[in-house]
């Protein structure tokens, strides 16, 4: 079986049998195609590679300026692919299980403080249905910690206005419940009143509607956030994920326990959530140093 066919079958299996999301499939496809092109350029057989070949591939990725985290993602994609090859009896063992990931330097996530959030929200006009929708998108991401893809796929029936809760389908089709407060409730009510004015192709199940009357995509949500930030006084880069980081950090700052934040974010592993405790600790350290620095100057 040629590598092109093996990749195609693996991606179909991951989508239909493992229920991986389209985003995950696209990521695997990109990683595996880069690997395939490298093997072809070196006339290497994907079923007969050795550790020396793999080290050569890692050096190639490094030459393309991929960082440690990206290279780790490449290796994860290849481990999964080669597990599949073992499962379908094309190989006896997975050589990538013997290859260690490079050490990834943990960076503290970028986040906004309360004043910055309020400044951004105040800068968003509410003159048109699109303005109100954009503000609703921003407030949803900050108030619930949803990923952009989760917000994009949110349907009207997922929102319970009586309990102020939202049923979210996250990674791996896992469901979780998140809650929202009065600020999001206010803009949600405004948006629902003008939402029909955005509909141009008839009724649609999704909460957010684009300017053509269709489903608002993840890419459109990223565009909306960028547009909002450009009109505000914030001069550093903000993404939808920044709002997710901000949501988690503010929850911990206000006394939420780590397990609850893990559930609200939909993290499978508590270690993924623990990075936000470092953010809170770093903020505390800076506040302490600033206080004593100012105190000493008086």
Protein backbone atom coordinates (compact mmCIF):
# COMPACT_ATOMS: atom_id res chain seq x y z
CA UNK A 1 0.00 0.00 0.00
CA UNK A 2 1.40 3.40 -0.98
CA UNK A 3 1.74 5.98 1.76
CA UNK A 4 -0.87 8.25 0.10
CA UNK A 5 -3.48 5.49 0.34
CA UNK A 6 -2.47 4.60 3.90
CA UNK A 7 -2.86 8.23 5.02
CA UNK A 8 -6.25 8.48 3.32
CA UNK A 9 -7.51 5.29 5.00
CA UNK A 10 -6.15 6.41 8.38
CA UNK A 11 -7.90 9.78 8.18
CA UNK A 12 -11.18 8.13 7.18
CA UNK A 13 -10.83 5.71 10.10
CA UNK A 14 -10.09 8.57 12.53
CA UNK A 15 -13.14 10.50 11.35
CA UNK A 16 -15.68 7.67 11.12
CA UNK A 17 -14.52 5.21 13.78
CA UNK A 18 -12.72 7.37 16.35
CA UNK A 19 -15.04 10.39 15.91
CA UNK A 20 -12.17 12.85 15.77
CA UNK A 21 -13.20 16.41 14.95
CA UNK A 22 -12.68 17.88 11.49
CA UNK A 23 -10.08 20.25 12.98
CA UNK A 24 -8.08 17.31 14.34
CA UNK A 25 -8.34 15.47 11.01
CA UNK A 26 -7.12 18.57 9.13
CA UNK A 27 -4.19 18.90 11.53
CA UNK A 28 -3.22 15.21 11.11
CA UNK A 29 -3.55 15.49 7.32
CA UNK A 30 -1.22 18.52 7.24
CA UNK A 31 1.38 16.81 9.46
CA UNK A 32 1.29 13.53 7.55
CA UNK A 33 1.55 15.21 4.14
CA UNK A 34 4.70 17.05 5.25
CA UNK A 35 6.10 13.69 6.42
CA UNK A 36 5.10 12.00 3.14
CA UNK A 37 6.75 14.70 1.04
CA UNK A 38 9.95 14.39 3.07
CA UNK A 39 10.07 10.60 2.63
CA UNK A 40 9.46 10.91 -1.09
CA UNK A 41 12.25 13.49 -1.42
CA UNK A 42 14.65 11.03 0.24
CA UNK A 43 13.25 7.93 -1.57
CA UNK A 44 12.38 6.35 1.80
CA UNK A 45 9.74 3.67 2.32
CA UNK A 46 7.39 4.60 5.17
CA UNK A 47 7.16 0.93 6.20
CA UNK A 48 10.94 0.47 6.41
CA UNK A 49 12.19 3.57 8.18
CA UNK A 50 14.64 3.34 11.08
CA UNK A 51 15.59 5.63 13.95
CA UNK A 52 18.30 7.31 11.85
CA UNK A 53 15.66 8.22 9.23
CA UNK A 54 13.43 9.69 11.94
CA UNK A 55 16.27 11.77 13.39
CA UNK A 56 16.91 13.07 9.87
CA UNK A 57 13.25 14.05 9.62
CA UNK A 58 13.37 15.85 12.98
CA UNK A 59 16.45 17.77 11.83
CA UNK A 60 14.52 18.68 8.68
CA UNK A 61 11.62 20.06 10.77
CA UNK A 62 14.10 21.99 12.88
CA UNK A 63 15.62 23.50 9.72
CA UNK A 64 12.13 24.75 8.80
CA UNK A 65 12.11 26.66 12.13
CA UNK A 66 9.36 24.60 13.78
CA UNK A 67 9.50 25.02 17.57
CA UNK A 68 9.58 22.20 20.13
CA UNK A 69 5.82 22.21 20.63
CA UNK A 70 5.14 21.92 16.89
CA UNK A 71 7.66 19.10 16.52
CA UNK A 72 6.00 17.29 19.45
CA UNK A 73 2.68 17.63 17.61
CA UNK A 74 4.25 16.15 14.46
CA UNK A 75 5.50 13.19 16.49
CA UNK A 76 2.08 12.68 18.09
CA UNK A 77 0.47 12.60 14.64
CA UNK A 78 3.02 10.05 13.44
CA UNK A 79 2.63 7.85 16.54
CA UNK A 80 -1.11 7.72 15.94
CA UNK A 81 -0.61 6.97 12.24
CA UNK A 82 1.87 4.19 12.93
CA UNK A 83 -0.38 2.72 15.63
CA UNK A 84 -2.98 2.41 12.90
CA UNK A 85 -0.46 0.71 10.60
CA UNK A 86 0.24 -1.83 13.36
CA UNK A 87 -3.50 -2.37 13.92
CA UNK A 88 -4.08 -3.19 10.24
CA UNK A 89 -1.06 -5.54 10.26
CA UNK A 90 1.14 -3.53 7.89
CA UNK A 91 3.78 -3.34 10.65
CA UNK A 92 4.68 -5.42 13.69
CA UNK A 93 5.62 -2.50 15.92
CA UNK A 94 5.48 1.28 16.10
CA UNK A 95 9.00 2.73 15.87
CA UNK A 96 7.73 6.18 16.87
CA UNK A 97 6.96 4.89 20.37
CA UNK A 98 10.72 4.79 20.91
CA UNK A 99 11.20 8.43 19.92
CA UNK A 100 10.97 10.97 22.74
CA UNK A 101 9.33 14.34 22.27
CA UNK A 102 11.63 17.38 22.57
CA UNK A 103 11.30 19.29 25.81
CA UNK A 104 8.68 21.97 25.44
CA UNK A 105 9.18 25.20 27.32
CA UNK A 106 5.94 26.03 29.10
CA UNK A 107 4.89 29.57 28.39
CA UNK A 108 2.41 31.32 30.62
CA UNK A 109 -0.75 32.00 28.63
CA UNK A 110 -1.54 35.54 27.62
CA UNK A 111 -4.57 37.04 29.38
CA UNK A 112 -6.42 40.32 29.90
CA UNK A 113 -7.17 42.05 33.15
CA UNK A 114 -10.65 43.19 34.19
CA UNK A 115 -10.03 46.80 33.20
CA UNK A 116 -8.93 45.75 29.70
CA UNK A 117 -12.02 43.55 29.31
CA UNK A 118 -14.30 46.41 30.33
CA UNK A 119 -12.52 48.85 28.01
CA UNK A 120 -12.93 46.48 25.08
CA UNK A 121 -16.62 45.89 25.78
CA UNK A 122 -17.22 49.64 26.12
CA UNK A 123 -15.53 50.22 22.77
CA UNK A 124 -17.95 47.94 20.89
CA UNK A 125 -20.81 49.89 19.39
CA UNK A 126 -24.35 48.50 19.26
CA UNK A 127 -25.61 50.39 16.23
CA UNK A 128 -26.31 47.40 13.98
CA UNK A 129 -27.28 43.72 14.35
CA UNK A 130 -23.68 42.86 13.36
CA UNK A 131 -22.32 45.07 16.15
CA UNK A 132 -24.57 43.35 18.70
CA UNK A 133 -23.64 39.91 17.36
CA UNK A 134 -19.92 40.74 17.59
CA UNK A 135 -20.29 41.92 21.18
CA UNK A 136 -22.25 38.76 22.00
CA UNK A 137 -19.45 36.62 20.49
CA UNK A 138 -16.78 38.43 22.52
CA UNK A 139 -18.75 38.25 25.76
CA UNK A 140 -19.56 34.56 25.24
CA UNK A 141 -15.88 33.65 24.85
CA UNK A 142 -14.89 35.61 27.93
CA UNK A 143 -17.89 34.62 30.09
CA UNK A 144 -17.74 30.88 29.40
CA UNK A 145 -14.22 30.07 28.20
CA UNK A 146 -15.52 28.41 25.04
CA UNK A 147 -13.11 27.66 22.22
CA UNK A 148 -13.79 29.53 18.96
CA UNK A 149 -14.83 26.25 17.31
CA UNK A 150 -17.25 25.50 20.17
CA UNK A 151 -18.80 28.97 19.90
CA UNK A 152 -19.11 28.53 16.14
CA UNK A 153 -20.94 25.21 16.53
CA UNK A 154 -23.22 26.42 19.35
CA UNK A 155 -26.91 25.97 18.57
CA UNK A 156 -29.93 27.78 19.99
CA UNK A 157 -31.21 24.61 21.62
CA UNK A 158 -27.92 24.29 23.56
CA UNK A 159 -28.75 27.42 25.60
CA UNK A 160 -31.03 27.21 28.63
CA UNK A 161 -31.94 30.78 29.56
CA UNK A 162 -33.84 29.63 32.65
CA UNK A 163 -30.74 28.15 34.29
CA UNK A 164 -28.27 30.42 32.44
CA UNK A 165 -26.41 27.35 31.24
CA UNK A 166 -25.00 26.17 27.92
CA UNK A 167 -24.44 22.60 26.80
CA UNK A 168 -21.15 22.52 24.90
CA UNK A 169 -19.79 19.79 22.64
CA UNK A 170 -16.01 19.94 22.93
CA UNK A 171 -13.02 17.92 21.76
CA UNK A 172 -13.73 14.25 21.11
CA UNK A 173 -17.48 15.03 21.07
CA UNK A 174 -17.44 15.28 24.88
CA UNK A 175 -20.26 17.33 26.36
CA UNK A 176 -19.98 19.70 29.30
CA UNK A 177 -22.16 22.37 30.90
CA UNK A 178 -20.97 25.95 31.39
CA UNK A 179 -22.79 28.84 33.05
CA UNK A 180 -23.04 32.54 32.32
CA UNK A 181 -23.90 35.67 34.28
CA UNK A 182 -25.95 38.83 33.83
CA UNK A 183 -23.51 40.61 31.51
CA UNK A 184 -23.68 37.89 28.86
CA UNK A 185 -27.41 37.43 29.51
CA UNK A 186 -28.04 41.11 28.68
CA UNK A 187 -26.18 41.05 25.35
CA UNK A 188 -27.62 37.61 24.48
CA UNK A 189 -31.18 38.96 24.87
CA UNK A 190 -30.31 41.94 22.67
CA UNK A 191 -28.76 39.69 20.05
CA UNK A 192 -31.69 37.27 19.97
CA UNK A 193 -34.02 40.23 19.30
CA UNK A 194 -32.05 41.31 16.20
CA UNK A 195 -30.85 37.87 15.08
CA UNK A 196 -33.73 37.45 12.61
CA UNK A 197 -32.50 40.52 10.73
CA UNK A 198 -29.31 38.60 9.88
CA UNK A 199 -31.21 35.61 8.49
CA UNK A 200 -31.34 35.82 4.70
CA UNK A 201 -31.54 32.13 3.79
CA UNK A 202 -34.32 31.05 6.13
CA UNK A 203 -34.12 29.62 9.68
CA UNK A 204 -30.82 28.21 10.93
CA UNK A 205 -30.10 26.22 14.11
CA UNK A 206 -26.77 27.85 14.97
CA UNK A 207 -26.71 30.75 17.42
CA UNK A 208 -24.36 32.97 15.44
CA UNK A 209 -25.20 34.07 11.90
CA UNK A 210 -22.72 35.56 9.43
CA UNK A 211 -23.35 38.60 7.24
CA UNK A 212 -24.64 36.40 4.41
CA UNK A 213 -27.23 34.71 6.60
CA UNK A 214 -25.28 31.47 7.06
CA UNK A 215 -23.40 29.74 9.86
CA UNK A 216 -20.64 31.88 11.47
CA UNK A 217 -17.38 29.92 11.10
CA UNK A 218 -14.46 29.62 13.52
CA UNK A 219 -12.36 31.74 11.16
CA UNK A 220 -15.05 34.44 11.19
CA UNK A 221 -15.01 34.47 14.98
CA UNK A 222 -11.24 35.01 14.91
CA UNK A 223 -11.77 37.84 12.42
CA UNK A 224 -14.41 39.44 14.67
CA UNK A 225 -12.11 39.33 17.71
CA UNK A 226 -9.27 40.90 15.70
CA UNK A 227 -11.61 43.63 14.44
CA UNK A 228 -12.81 44.40 17.97
CA UNK A 229 -9.27 44.60 19.37
CA UNK A 230 -8.11 46.94 16.58
CA UNK A 231 -10.85 49.41 17.57
CA UNK A 232 -9.94 49.23 21.27
CA UNK A 233 -6.97 50.68 23.16
CA UNK A 234 -5.31 47.25 23.46
CA UNK A 235 -2.01 47.22 21.56
CA UNK A 236 -0.98 43.58 21.93
CA UNK A 237 -2.21 40.55 20.03
CA UNK A 238 -5.42 38.96 21.27
CA UNK A 239 -7.00 35.76 19.97
CA UNK A 240 -10.19 33.88 20.94
CA UNK A 241 -7.96 31.60 23.02
CA UNK A 242 -6.70 34.64 24.96
CA UNK A 243 -10.27 35.12 26.19
CA UNK A 244 -10.36 31.46 27.25
CA UNK A 245 -7.11 31.97 29.18
CA UNK A 246 -8.55 35.13 30.72
CA UNK A 247 -11.73 33.34 31.79
CA UNK A 248 -9.74 30.59 33.54
CA UNK A 249 -7.34 33.01 35.22
CA UNK A 250 -10.14 35.22 36.53
CA UNK A 251 -12.02 32.19 37.90
CA UNK A 252 -8.96 31.07 39.88
CA UNK A 253 -8.25 34.62 41.04
CA UNK A 254 -11.78 34.72 42.46
CA UNK A 255 -11.47 31.51 44.42
CA UNK A 256 -12.63 28.77 42.03
CA UNK A 257 -10.97 25.41 42.65
CA UNK A 258 -8.82 23.79 39.98
CA UNK A 259 -11.12 20.78 39.43
CA UNK A 260 -14.11 23.04 38.72
CA UNK A 261 -12.09 25.09 36.23
CA UNK A 262 -10.93 21.86 34.58
CA UNK A 263 -14.55 20.76 34.09
CA UNK A 264 -15.68 24.16 32.82
CA UNK A 265 -12.85 24.28 30.27
CA UNK A 266 -13.36 20.66 29.22
CA UNK A 267 -9.74 19.69 29.91
CA UNK A 268 -9.21 15.95 30.00
CA UNK A 269 -6.05 16.25 32.09
CA UNK A 270 -5.75 18.37 35.23
CA UNK A 271 -2.13 19.20 34.33
CA UNK A 272 -3.43 21.22 31.37
CA UNK A 273 -5.44 23.36 33.78
CA UNK A 274 -2.61 23.73 36.31
CA UNK A 275 -0.77 26.25 34.13
CA UNK A 276 -3.37 28.83 35.15
CA UNK A 277 -2.30 28.53 38.79
CA UNK A 278 1.16 29.66 37.62
CA UNK A 279 -0.48 32.68 35.99
CA UNK A 280 -2.26 33.58 39.22
CA UNK A 281 0.91 33.04 41.26
CA UNK A 282 2.92 35.20 38.85
CA UNK A 283 0.35 37.99 39.13
CA UNK A 284 0.54 37.76 42.93
CA UNK A 285 4.34 37.90 42.84
CA UNK A 286 4.36 40.97 40.59
CA UNK A 287 1.77 42.73 42.75
CA UNK A 288 3.84 41.98 45.87
CA UNK A 289 7.08 43.27 44.31
CA UNK A 290 5.38 46.37 42.94
CA UNK A 291 3.81 47.15 46.32
CA UNK A 292 7.13 46.84 48.16
CA UNK A 293 9.02 48.75 45.49
CA UNK A 294 6.57 51.66 45.77
CA UNK A 295 6.58 51.41 49.56
CA UNK A 296 10.38 51.64 49.69
CA UNK A 297 10.33 54.78 47.52
CA UNK A 298 8.05 56.65 49.91
